[in-house]
Amino acid sequence: MSGFQPIPSPVSSRQTTTYHVADTVDDHLARLPIGIILKALNIFTAKFPELRILQASAFIKEYQTARSQESKALLATILAITRKQCSIVTGDWLRSLKSSECYASYAWSTLSDAILQPPKVQVVQALLILTLYEWGVREYHKAWMHCGIAIRIMQSLHSSRVSPHPLDTSQNNDTDVMTIAVEARTYWACFIMDCTINSGTYNPRMLPMSEMHKLKVPRPLNYTDFAFGFDAASLDHICTGDLSGLAQSFETIAAGFDIYAQAMAFVFNNGRCAPGMCAPENCPWAPGSAWSQCRERLEEWRKSQHERLCYPQHSVVVHMTLGHGESFIYLNMLYYLSTIMLHREYFPFLPTADLTPRGPVDPPLLEAEAPPGWWDESAKELFNAAEQIACLLQEASECGIPLMTPFSGFCAFTACFLNLYVFRFPRMNLGRSTKAEQLMNWGLEYLEEFQNAWELAGGWIKTIQNSSLLYKRATEDAGRYRGRSRADFETLHQSIHEYRIVDRSDQHLQQISHADRNSQRREEEAELPVARQVQASNGMGPAVNAAVPDPFPNWWSMLQEVEFTDVGNLWNGMHQAQGEANN
């Protein structure tokens, strides 16, 4: 019996494996050459403008000495997200890295011990980067939770700095200017991630702008001062300032995400379908309406920027040569995406081929008439925004600075859908979208490439394909969906708004099929009285089973028409199952 070795349980086996992987990654991170760390830092800083929170000198100093557990967790998140850029980044050094999943797993196992310890900015930064990574791989709940934890730790850290009577007296408040600058940027990154993640989960934000003002979070240093690590004069509290230059792009991006979150909240709170939103005083052109207020904020934000930051007046290639290409793209994508979200809410989801720009065609209808030309101008802004996003991302790829972030993917998806829409219904923009098909194809090519980096793209591509199926059928046979509204395609309509995309292809196709078959049934019912008259005149009895109700929706691939033999087999199988149940 002394030689007996118990068989490990599945749980203990998994724990042993996890510990072994963690130990292996820990040793790997401890010995990773500084040159590889610098390359990863450069890629991360360039490709993720919303998370430019790492001050290079302070960051590298941390890895030239003994590397703490928090710093290794932060490095692991950077490497996890860098590995996701392998489709657009090349180099032999990438071969020495482990998988993204391996780094992410190590980071969380380390951070899970750190989150209840005295707050450290490295823990917040690691959680924010992990949040973005998890959103990209469709771990939405984890991303939402980790974003919330990061915000709470940052609030605790900030409170220990500014409170006259901090709860935790163990915190060291003898901080230098650079420490405060890094913490300020990290706090604003929490704000940005809060805007994006909560607009994707339909939850209220934890950090509204009013809270940032109330807490007197310092303005982030401009890009140059932050990089060099000086200029204490820039650390005054929030106040109105010149946000026109790209040096201040991080602060401008934060303000833009605040407006974007407001536009998304309007849409997700049911937009025009919300109670009272169709009243004359709440119509989009009415001064003081929710739509009008958001639009005014958006345009004021745009006007606050230098005219050199406006696309297409100025190109991506110019800003690429200055080293600010990605920030330039982000600023413009924020503007155009917010524009789309506001205008699209009022346009028909399924117009007819001859319909020109106008507002809702299905209930609830607006209770006031728009000013002359308002819908024409709205269509112009809507479809121009989709065109500019497609061109921005295409030009970025041609310049050699392609963006592959979850937010840029959502922008590409949104623009691709609208370019598909106006390609199938060109009169909805009065024939002004002459490049719609090309722009749509650019969007699809981008999403296919994006799919190599992030799993997030799969659901977006299927939503585009299912929308294409619906619009192709609707334009080829005008009567096929006559009388249908967005309520008949509610799941598909919901999917076109989703930053947190879920694959609902089966539901999309079910609704498309259901609407199609119901249209055919109405036509049959309309012809039925005539058929009965003919039967009566011929001395024939009434027809049997003139209109058999649809017992089950058809589920089939978007790439081929339904096989009627399969439907017959499905029908027979259902009747057989029903008979067995009755017995």
Foldseek 3Di string as FASTA:
>chain_A
DVPDDDDDDPVVVVVVVLVVLLVVLVVLLLPPDLVLLVVLLVCLCQQCLLQNQDQVVVLSVCNVDGHDLLNSLLSLLSLLQSQLCPLQDDDPSNVSDDHSVSSLSSSCVSLVVVLPPQADLSSLSSLLSSLQSCLQQLVLVSSVVSLVSSQVSLVLVLCVQPPPDRPDPVDDNPDDLLVLLSSLSSNLSSLLSQLPSCLQVVHDGPDAVVNCLVSQRFQHQFQVCNNVPDDSVSRGTDDDDQCADNSSLNSLLSLLSNLLSLLSNCVSCVNCQHPPCLEPCNPLVHPPHSLVVSVVSLVVSVVSYHPCLDPPVHALLVVVVVVRSNSSLSSLLSSLVSLQSSLVSFFFPADAQQDEFDGDPDPPHRPDDDDPPPRLVSLVSNLVSLQRLLVSQVRCVVSSNHHQGLVNLLSLLLSLLVLLVCVLRVNHNPVPPVCSVVSNVSSLVVLVSSCSSGVQSPQSNLLSLLSNLLSVVCHVDVQQQPPDGCVLQVVSVVQSSHSSHDNPNQSNQQSSQVSRVVSVLVVLVVCQVVVVVVCVVVVHDHDDCSDPDDPDGDGDDSVDDDDVVVVVVVVVVVVVVVVVVVD
